[in-house]
Amino acid sequence: MIRFPDLLSIFMEYISDHGFSLIGYILKYAGIPICIASFLSSIPASPLKEPSIITLAQFTIDDHIWLIAGITFFTFLGLMLAISTSSSFTFHCLIHGEKPDDAKLRELIQSSFVSISTIGFLVLFTSTIGIILCVAPGIYIMSASTVMIPILLHERCSPLQAIQVGIQLIRNHALKPFAFSLFIFIVASLCITAIEYVMDLAIIPIHEQLGRISLMVTACLRMLGIGMIFAFGTILYIELTRNKAMSHGNALNN
């Protein structure tokens, strides 16, 4: 039986050894598209004196369709790069006992990016439907998604097979990624609240630009939080497969 405190202990040990490298790689590969998406979302709607495209309560989509498309594209790209980087880096560290070099990590990301993006789109679509119809299925699918990426990396299967195996594998452990996600959400919310509070106290002439910088920083924090969740999912996958292998070995011995 895999307990949540044990998983959390393994995660904290992993972060103490490789946390700075992991954060650096996530920011390196996913930080730019996330910052671009944040910058686009802070562009004032026309006329220029109106609030930004995100904060404006009422606007005509037709007038801002390309801006909204750009925000959506760069947000999705940044999230997929963060998930891919975090899962690939964590998987390589725990399986091979060493950090991947830049060339190796880039190769892992490039070889699996299309499949990971496919999984990301399908999970986003199905979990949204699951949450709309009933909260529990949506949470279950989102929890299962945290182990789908390492399944894809390890077993070299198709995205649909990774989704199927992930849902089966997480069957009795869906609350563990969910509980960790809540933990990360609380930590990130405290950091974001502190940043926004400091920005609100900023000098008025530069307050507008600091608000844009604040938006980029908070977006990067959210992205790092998602990266940590998928690092935890990778650890969960490795522990589940090890536990399964040990149980199978004991059954053969008996």
C-alpha atoms as a PDB file:
ATOM      1  CA  MET A   1       0.000   0.000   0.000  1.00  0.00           C
ATOM      2  CA  ILE A   2       1.439   3.357  -1.105  1.00  0.00           C
ATOM      3  CA  ARG A   3       0.719   6.079   1.441  1.00  0.00           C
ATOM      4  CA  PHE A   4       0.459   9.773   0.616  1.00  0.00           C
ATOM      5  CA  PRO A   5       2.953  10.861   3.359  1.00  0.00           C
ATOM      6  CA  ASP A   6       5.536   8.470   1.881  1.00  0.00           C
ATOM      7  CA  LEU A   7       5.014   9.895  -1.604  1.00  0.00           C
ATOM      8  CA  LEU A   8       5.271  13.428  -0.247  1.00  0.00           C
ATOM      9  CA  SER A   9       8.516  12.500   1.532  1.00  0.00           C
ATOM     10  CA  ILE A  10       9.977  11.089  -1.698  1.00  0.00           C
ATOM     11  CA  PHE A  11       8.902  14.223  -3.556  1.00  0.00           C
ATOM     12  CA  MET A  12      10.486  16.556  -1.000  1.00  0.00           C
ATOM     13  CA  GLU A  13      13.723  14.558  -1.120  1.00  0.00           C
ATOM     14  CA  TYR A  14      13.682  14.738  -4.907  1.00  0.00           C
ATOM     15  CA  ILE A  15      13.075  18.514  -4.832  1.00  0.00           C
ATOM     16  CA  SER A  16      15.891  19.028  -2.317  1.00  0.00           C
ATOM     17  CA  ASP A  17      18.272  17.265  -4.732  1.00  0.00           C
ATOM     18  CA  HIS A  18      17.032  18.486  -8.112  1.00  0.00           C
ATOM     19  CA  GLY A  19      14.495  21.237  -7.431  1.00  0.00           C
ATOM     20  CA  PHE A  20      16.565  24.185  -8.671  1.00  0.00           C
ATOM     21  CA  SER A  21      17.534  22.356 -11.862  1.00  0.00           C
ATOM     22  CA  LEU A  22      13.921  21.359 -12.489  1.00  0.00           C
ATOM     23  CA  ILE A  23      12.654  24.926 -11.988  1.00  0.00           C
ATOM     24  CA  GLY A  24      15.415  26.271 -14.233  1.00  0.00           C
ATOM     25  CA  TYR A  25      14.551  23.895 -17.073  1.00  0.00           C
ATOM     26  CA  ILE A  26      10.808  24.583 -16.800  1.00  0.00           C
ATOM     27  CA  LEU A  27      11.438  28.325 -16.978  1.00  0.00           C
ATOM     28  CA  LYS A  28      13.890  27.828 -19.844  1.00  0.00           C
ATOM     29  CA  TYR A  29      11.564  25.816 -22.062  1.00  0.00           C
ATOM     30  CA  ALA A  30       8.096  26.964 -20.967  1.00  0.00           C
ATOM     31  CA  GLY A  31       8.668  30.421 -19.481  1.00  0.00           C
ATOM     32  CA  ILE A  32       8.786  32.354 -22.763  1.00  0.00           C
ATOM     33  CA  PRO A  33       5.404  31.206 -24.176  1.00  0.00           C
ATOM     34  CA  ILE A  34       3.736  31.707 -20.779  1.00  0.00           C
ATOM     35  CA  CYS A  35       5.150  35.251 -20.542  1.00  0.00           C
ATOM     36  CA  ILE A  36       4.002  35.975 -24.110  1.00  0.00           C
ATOM     37  CA  ALA A  37       0.488  34.765 -23.237  1.00  0.00           C
ATOM     38  CA  SER A  38       0.507  36.962 -20.115  1.00  0.00           C
ATOM     39  CA  PHE A  39       1.737  39.960 -22.106  1.00  0.00           C
ATOM     40  CA  LEU A  40      -0.985  39.496 -24.725  1.00  0.00           C
ATOM     41  CA  SER A  41      -3.659  39.179 -22.036  1.00  0.00           C
ATOM     42  CA  SER A  42      -2.565  42.522 -20.552  1.00  0.00           C
ATOM     43  CA  ILE A  43      -2.883  44.414 -23.844  1.00  0.00           C
ATOM     44  CA  PRO A  44      -5.658  47.015 -23.554  1.00  0.00           C
ATOM     45  CA  ALA A  45      -8.763  46.349 -25.623  1.00  0.00           C
ATOM     46  CA  SER A  46      -9.554  48.947 -28.251  1.00  0.00           C
ATOM     47  CA  PRO A  47      -9.841  51.803 -27.702  1.00  0.00           C
ATOM     48  CA  LEU A  48      -6.540  51.730 -25.854  1.00  0.00           C
ATOM     49  CA  LYS A  49      -7.828  53.458 -22.729  1.00  0.00           C
ATOM     50  CA  GLU A  50     -10.171  50.561 -21.930  1.00  0.00           C
ATOM     51  CA  PRO A  51      -9.158  47.729 -19.566  1.00  0.00           C
ATOM     52  CA  SER A  52      -7.161  44.754 -20.801  1.00  0.00           C
ATOM     53  CA  ILE A  53      -8.694  42.034 -22.936  1.00  0.00           C
ATOM     54  CA  ILE A  54      -8.946  39.699 -19.923  1.00  0.00           C
ATOM     55  CA  THR A  55     -10.385  42.146 -17.367  1.00  0.00           C
ATOM     56  CA  LEU A  56     -12.851  43.725 -19.788  1.00  0.00           C
ATOM     57  CA  ALA A  57     -16.280  42.394 -18.842  1.00  0.00           C
ATOM     58  CA  GLN A  58     -17.918  42.909 -22.231  1.00  0.00           C
ATOM     59  CA  PHE A  59     -16.184  42.881 -25.581  1.00  0.00           C
ATOM     60  CA  THR A  60     -16.888  41.670 -29.107  1.00  0.00           C
ATOM     61  CA  ILE A  61     -14.973  38.475 -29.740  1.00  0.00           C
ATOM     62  CA  ASP A  62     -14.796  39.210 -33.467  1.00  0.00           C
ATOM     63  CA  ASP A  63     -12.783  42.362 -32.727  1.00  0.00           C
ATOM     64  CA  HIS A  64     -10.221  40.453 -30.672  1.00  0.00           C
ATOM     65  CA  ILE A  65     -10.294  36.963 -32.190  1.00  0.00           C
ATOM     66  CA  TRP A  66      -6.586  36.917 -33.122  1.00  0.00           C
ATOM     67  CA  LEU A  67      -5.564  38.232 -29.731  1.00  0.00           C
ATOM     68  CA  ILE A  68      -7.642  35.579 -27.953  1.00  0.00           C
ATOM     69  CA  ALA A  69      -6.267  32.913 -30.322  1.00  0.00           C
ATOM     70  CA  GLY A  70      -2.716  34.035 -29.501  1.00  0.00           C
ATOM     71  CA  ILE A  71      -3.371  33.912 -25.749  1.00  0.00           C
ATOM     72  CA  THR A  72      -4.884  30.417 -26.068  1.00  0.00           C
ATOM     73  CA  PHE A  73      -2.065  29.097 -28.268  1.00  0.00           C
ATOM     74  CA  PHE A  74       0.817  30.371 -26.140  1.00  0.00           C
ATOM     75  CA  THR A  75      -0.890  29.307 -22.894  1.00  0.00           C
ATOM     76  CA  PHE A  76      -1.416  25.768 -24.190  1.00  0.00           C
ATOM     77  CA  LEU A  77       2.119  25.643 -25.606  1.00  0.00           C
ATOM     78  CA  GLY A  78       3.632  26.819 -22.311  1.00  0.00           C
ATOM     79  CA  LEU A  79       1.626  24.346 -20.234  1.00  0.00           C
ATOM     80  CA  MET A  80       2.510  21.413 -22.495  1.00  0.00           C
ATOM     81  CA  LEU A  81       6.195  22.367 -22.406  1.00  0.00           C
ATOM     82  CA  ALA A  82       6.059  22.666 -18.604  1.00  0.00           C
ATOM     83  CA  ILE A  83       4.370  19.266 -18.264  1.00  0.00           C
ATOM     84  CA  SER A  84       6.719  17.622 -20.774  1.00  0.00           C
ATOM     85  CA  THR A  85       9.852  19.128 -19.194  1.00  0.00           C
ATOM     86  CA  SER A  86       8.839  18.296 -15.640  1.00  0.00           C
ATOM     87  CA  SER A  87       7.822  14.701 -16.404  1.00  0.00           C
ATOM     88  CA  SER A  88      10.831  13.964 -18.644  1.00  0.00           C
ATOM     89  CA  PHE A  89      13.332  15.473 -16.205  1.00  0.00           C
ATOM     90  CA  THR A  90      11.850  13.701 -13.165  1.00  0.00           C
ATOM     91  CA  PHE A  91      11.515  10.362 -14.962  1.00  0.00           C
ATOM     92  CA  HIS A  92      15.145  10.441 -16.139  1.00  0.00           C
ATOM     93  CA  CYS A  93      16.443  11.460 -12.695  1.00  0.00           C
ATOM     94  CA  LEU A  94      14.609   8.695 -10.831  1.00  0.00           C
ATOM     95  CA  ILE A  95      15.126   5.906 -13.372  1.00  0.00           C
ATOM     96  CA  HIS A  96      18.764   6.590 -14.272  1.00  0.00           C
ATOM     97  CA  GLY A  97      19.858   8.145 -10.976  1.00  0.00           C
ATOM     98  CA  GLU A  98      21.284  11.260 -12.635  1.00  0.00           C
ATOM     99  CA  LYS A  99      20.106  14.524 -14.139  1.00  0.00           C
ATOM    100  CA  PRO A 100      19.745  14.572 -17.945  1.00  0.00           C
ATOM    101  CA  ASP A 101      21.987  17.000 -19.760  1.00  0.00           C
ATOM    102  CA  ASP A 102      20.463  19.737 -21.865  1.00  0.00           C
ATOM    103  CA  ALA A 103      20.744  17.798 -25.145  1.00  0.00           C
ATOM    104  CA  LYS A 104      19.170  14.663 -23.680  1.00  0.00           C
ATOM    105  CA  LEU A 105      16.279  16.574 -22.105  1.00  0.00           C
ATOM    106  CA  ARG A 106      15.641  18.459 -25.336  1.00  0.00           C
ATOM    107  CA  GLU A 107      15.587  15.138 -27.211  1.00  0.00           C
ATOM    108  CA  LEU A 108      13.074  13.672 -24.739  1.00  0.00           C
ATOM    109  CA  ILE A 109      10.820  16.720 -25.021  1.00  0.00           C
ATOM    110  CA  GLN A 110      10.950  16.846 -28.817  1.00  0.00           C
ATOM    111  CA  SER A 111      10.298  13.125 -29.280  1.00  0.00           C
ATOM    112  CA  SER A 112       7.215  13.113 -27.047  1.00  0.00           C
ATOM    113  CA  PHE A 113       5.808  16.634 -27.430  1.00  0.00           C
ATOM    114  CA  VAL A 114       3.163  15.814 -30.068  1.00  0.00           C
ATOM    115  CA  SER A 115       1.882  12.822 -28.090  1.00  0.00           C
ATOM    116  CA  ILE A 116       1.887  14.816 -24.828  1.00  0.00           C
ATOM    117  CA  SER A 117      -0.004  17.669 -26.507  1.00  0.00           C
ATOM    118  CA  THR A 118      -2.561  15.153 -27.800  1.00  0.00           C
ATOM    119  CA  ILE A 119      -3.016  13.752 -24.293  1.00  0.00           C
ATOM    120  CA  GLY A 120      -3.231  17.287 -22.881  1.00  0.00           C
ATOM    121  CA  PHE A 121      -5.980  18.270 -25.319  1.00  0.00           C
ATOM    122  CA  LEU A 122      -7.973  15.062 -24.760  1.00  0.00           C
ATOM    123  CA  VAL A 123      -7.641  15.286 -20.974  1.00  0.00           C
ATOM    124  CA  LEU A 124      -8.663  18.954 -20.996  1.00  0.00           C
ATOM    125  CA  PHE A 125     -11.723  18.150 -23.096  1.00  0.00           C
ATOM    126  CA  THR A 126     -12.836  15.053 -21.168  1.00  0.00           C
ATOM    127  CA  SER A 127     -12.125  16.469 -17.695  1.00  0.00           C
ATOM    128  CA  THR A 128     -14.092  19.629 -18.535  1.00  0.00           C
ATOM    129  CA  ILE A 129     -17.070  17.507 -19.575  1.00  0.00           C
ATOM    130  CA  GLY A 130     -16.593  15.389 -16.435  1.00  0.00           C
ATOM    131  CA  ILE A 131     -16.638  18.462 -14.195  1.00  0.00           C
ATOM    132  CA  ILE A 132     -19.689  19.913 -15.950  1.00  0.00           C
ATOM    133  CA  LEU A 133     -21.678  16.686 -15.661  1.00  0.00           C
ATOM    134  CA  CYS A 134     -20.373  15.652 -12.250  1.00  0.00           C
ATOM    135  CA  VAL A 135     -17.313  16.839 -10.317  1.00  0.00           C
ATOM    136  CA  ALA A 136     -15.951  13.377  -9.437  1.00  0.00           C
ATOM    137  CA  PRO A 137     -15.257  12.087 -13.010  1.00  0.00           C
ATOM    138  CA  GLY A 138     -13.452  15.308 -13.907  1.00  0.00           C
ATOM    139  CA  ILE A 139     -11.220  15.105 -10.838  1.00  0.00           C
ATOM    140  CA  TYR A 140     -10.518  11.425 -11.538  1.00  0.00           C
ATOM    141  CA  ILE A 141      -9.451  12.111 -15.131  1.00  0.00           C
ATOM    142  CA  MET A 142      -7.250  15.052 -14.085  1.00  0.00           C
ATOM    143  CA  SER A 143      -5.593  12.876 -11.411  1.00  0.00           C
ATOM    144  CA  ALA A 144      -5.041  10.111 -13.951  1.00  0.00           C
ATOM    145  CA  SER A 145      -3.404  12.590 -16.343  1.00  0.00           C
ATOM    146  CA  THR A 146      -0.456  13.015 -13.950  1.00  0.00           C
ATOM    147  CA  VAL A 147       0.648   9.407 -14.578  1.00  0.00           C
ATOM    148  CA  MET A 148      -0.204   9.332 -18.302  1.00  0.00           C
ATOM    149  CA  ILE A 149       2.909  11.275 -19.320  1.00  0.00           C
ATOM    150  CA  PRO A 150       5.448   8.935 -17.612  1.00  0.00           C
ATOM    151  CA  ILE A 151       3.483   5.985 -19.075  1.00  0.00           C
ATOM    152  CA  LEU A 152       3.962   7.548 -22.495  1.00  0.00           C
ATOM    153  CA  LEU A 153       7.680   8.133 -21.837  1.00  0.00           C
ATOM    154  CA  HIS A 154       8.341   4.671 -20.387  1.00  0.00           C
ATOM    155  CA  GLU A 155       6.128   2.369 -22.432  1.00  0.00           C
ATOM    156  CA  ARG A 156       6.337   4.270 -25.735  1.00  0.00           C
ATOM    157  CA  CYS A 157       2.641   3.723 -26.380  1.00  0.00           C
ATOM    158  CA  SER A 158       0.079   5.812 -28.228  1.00  0.00           C
ATOM    159  CA  PRO A 159      -1.715   8.687 -26.460  1.00  0.00           C
ATOM    160  CA  LEU A 160      -4.983   6.718 -26.336  1.00  0.00           C
ATOM    161  CA  GLN A 161      -3.211   3.703 -24.812  1.00  0.00           C
ATOM    162  CA  ALA A 162      -1.492   5.961 -22.259  1.00  0.00           C
ATOM    163  CA  ILE A 163      -4.866   7.423 -21.275  1.00  0.00           C
ATOM    164  CA  GLN A 164      -6.384   3.955 -20.920  1.00  0.00           C
ATOM    165  CA  VAL A 165      -3.487   2.591 -18.847  1.00  0.00           C
ATOM    166  CA  GLY A 166      -3.324   5.757 -16.726  1.00  0.00           C
ATOM    167  CA  ILE A 167      -7.009   5.575 -15.815  1.00  0.00           C
ATOM    168  CA  GLN A 168      -6.617   1.920 -14.809  1.00  0.00           C
ATOM    169  CA  LEU A 169      -3.387   2.508 -12.891  1.00  0.00           C
ATOM    170  CA  ILE A 170      -4.735   5.411 -10.838  1.00  0.00           C
ATOM    171  CA  ARG A 171      -7.947   3.549  -9.964  1.00  0.00           C
ATOM    172  CA  ASN A 172      -7.243   3.237  -6.231  1.00  0.00           C
ATOM    173  CA  HIS A 173      -4.953   6.272  -5.939  1.00  0.00           C
ATOM    174  CA  ALA A 174      -6.901   9.153  -7.524  1.00  0.00           C
ATOM    175  CA  LEU A 175      -7.036  11.162  -4.301  1.00  0.00           C
ATOM    176  CA  LYS A 176      -3.234  11.306  -3.955  1.00  0.00           C
ATOM    177  CA  PRO A 177      -2.576  13.601  -6.964  1.00  0.00           C
ATOM    178  CA  PHE A 178      -5.701  15.570  -6.048  1.00  0.00           C
ATOM    179  CA  ALA A 179      -4.492  16.102  -2.463  1.00  0.00           C
ATOM    180  CA  PHE A 180      -1.059  17.153  -3.731  1.00  0.00           C
ATOM    181  CA  SER A 181      -2.681  19.517  -6.240  1.00  0.00           C
ATOM    182  CA  LEU A 182      -4.580  21.179  -3.381  1.00  0.00           C
ATOM    183  CA  PHE A 183      -1.316  21.520  -1.443  1.00  0.00           C
ATOM    184  CA  ILE A 184       0.397  23.178  -4.432  1.00  0.00           C
ATOM    185  CA  PHE A 185      -2.650  25.383  -5.030  1.00  0.00           C
ATOM    186  CA  ILE A 186      -2.537  26.676  -1.458  1.00  0.00           C
ATOM    187  CA  VAL A 187       1.219  27.383  -1.600  1.00  0.00           C
ATOM    188  CA  ALA A 188       0.959  29.086  -5.017  1.00  0.00           C
ATOM    189  CA  SER A 189      -2.062  31.137  -3.903  1.00  0.00           C
ATOM    190  CA  LEU A 190      -0.160  32.450  -0.880  1.00  0.00           C
ATOM    191  CA  CYS A 191       2.813  33.439  -3.056  1.00  0.00           C
ATOM    192  CA  ILE A 192       0.595  35.074  -5.691  1.00  0.00           C
ATOM    193  CA  THR A 193      -1.391  36.974  -3.057  1.00  0.00           C
ATOM    194  CA  ALA A 194       1.852  38.275  -1.535  1.00  0.00           C
ATOM    195  CA  ILE A 195       3.134  39.417  -4.942  1.00  0.00           C
ATOM    196  CA  GLU A 196      -0.134  41.162  -5.822  1.00  0.00           C
ATOM    197  CA  TYR A 197      -0.192  42.870  -2.411  1.00  0.00           C
ATOM    198  CA  VAL A 198       3.340  44.222  -2.929  1.00  0.00           C
ATOM    199  CA  MET A 199       2.420  45.420  -6.424  1.00  0.00           C
ATOM    200  CA  ASP A 200      -0.635  47.237  -5.083  1.00  0.00           C
ATOM    201  CA  LEU A 201       1.679  49.249  -2.829  1.00  0.00           C
ATOM    202  CA  ALA A 202       3.906  50.233  -5.753  1.00  0.00           C
ATOM    203  CA  ILE A 203       4.463  53.842  -6.781  1.00  0.00           C
ATOM    204  CA  ILE A 204       1.557  55.005  -8.971  1.00  0.00           C
ATOM    205  CA  PRO A 205       3.553  56.202 -12.060  1.00  0.00           C
ATOM    206  CA  ILE A 206       5.095  52.748 -12.552  1.00  0.00           C
ATOM    207  CA  HIS A 207       2.146  50.801 -11.163  1.00  0.00           C
ATOM    208  CA  GLU A 208       0.791  50.003 -14.643  1.00  0.00           C
ATOM    209  CA  GLN A 209       4.003  48.349 -15.842  1.00  0.00           C
ATOM    210  CA  LEU A 210       4.460  46.560 -12.518  1.00  0.00           C
ATOM    211  CA  GLY A 211       0.970  45.153 -12.953  1.00  0.00           C
ATOM    212  CA  ARG A 212       2.016  43.618 -16.264  1.00  0.00           C
ATOM    213  CA  ILE A 213       5.196  42.219 -14.707  1.00  0.00           C
ATOM    214  CA  SER A 214       3.139  40.892 -11.809  1.00  0.00           C
ATOM    215  CA  LEU A 215       0.851  39.091 -14.266  1.00  0.00           C
ATOM    216  CA  MET A 216       3.846  37.421 -15.927  1.00  0.00           C
ATOM    217  CA  VAL A 217       5.388  36.398 -12.606  1.00  0.00           C
ATOM    218  CA  THR A 218       2.154  34.927 -11.274  1.00  0.00           C
ATOM    219  CA  ALA A 219       1.605  33.067 -14.568  1.00  0.00           C
ATOM    220  CA  CYS A 220       5.075  31.540 -14.248  1.00  0.00           C
ATOM    221  CA  LEU A 221       4.311  30.539 -10.653  1.00  0.00           C
ATOM    222  CA  ARG A 222       1.125  28.785 -11.760  1.00  0.00           C
ATOM    223  CA  MET A 223       3.062  27.038 -14.514  1.00  0.00           C
ATOM    224  CA  LEU A 224       5.718  25.901 -12.022  1.00  0.00           C
ATOM    225  CA  GLY A 225       2.940  24.617  -9.773  1.00  0.00           C
ATOM    226  CA  ILE A 226       1.583  22.491 -12.630  1.00  0.00           C
ATOM    227  CA  GLY A 227       5.115  21.247 -13.280  1.00  0.00           C
ATOM    228  CA  MET A 228       5.442  20.180  -9.634  1.00  0.00           C
ATOM    229  CA  ILE A 229       2.108  18.330  -9.838  1.00  0.00           C
ATOM    230  CA  PHE A 230       3.307  16.315 -12.836  1.00  0.00           C
ATOM    231  CA  ALA A 231       6.654  15.658 -11.149  1.00  0.00           C
ATOM    232  CA  PHE A 232       4.650  14.202  -8.256  1.00  0.00           C
ATOM    233  CA  GLY A 233       2.605  12.168 -10.760  1.00  0.00           C
ATOM    234  CA  THR A 234       5.813  10.776 -12.237  1.00  0.00           C
ATOM    235  CA  ILE A 235       6.978   9.729  -8.767  1.00  0.00           C
ATOM    236  CA  LEU A 236       3.582   8.116  -8.156  1.00  0.00           C
ATOM    237  CA  TYR A 237       3.839   6.199 -11.437  1.00  0.00           C
ATOM    238  CA  ILE A 238       7.321   4.889 -10.602  1.00  0.00           C
ATOM    239  CA  GLU A 239       6.226   3.809  -7.121  1.00  0.00           C
ATOM    240  CA  LEU A 240       3.084   2.130  -8.469  1.00  0.00           C
ATOM    241  CA  THR A 241       5.022   0.186 -11.094  1.00  0.00           C
ATOM    242  CA  ARG A 242       7.670  -0.851  -8.545  1.00  0.00           C
ATOM    243  CA  ASN A 243       4.984  -1.948  -6.120  1.00  0.00           C
ATOM    244  CA  LYS A 244       3.233  -3.876  -8.901  1.00  0.00           C
ATOM    245  CA  ALA A 245       6.495  -5.568  -9.911  1.00  0.00           C
ATOM    246  CA  MET A 246       7.246  -6.545  -6.312  1.00  0.00           C
ATOM    247  CA  SER A 247       3.743  -7.971  -5.866  1.00  0.00           C
ATOM    248  CA  HIS A 248       4.083  -9.940  -9.087  1.00  0.00           C
ATOM    249  CA  GLY A 249       7.513 -11.256  -7.993  1.00  0.00           C
ATOM    250  CA  ASN A 250       6.146 -12.348  -4.611  1.00  0.00           C
ATOM    251  CA  ALA A 251       3.241 -14.104  -6.324  1.00  0.00           C
ATOM    252  CA  LEU A 252       5.651 -16.031  -8.553  1.00  0.00           C
ATOM    253  CA  ASN A 253       7.799 -17.035  -5.575  1.00  0.00           C
ATOM    254  CA  ASN A 254       4.761 -18.321  -3.722  1.00  0.00           C
END
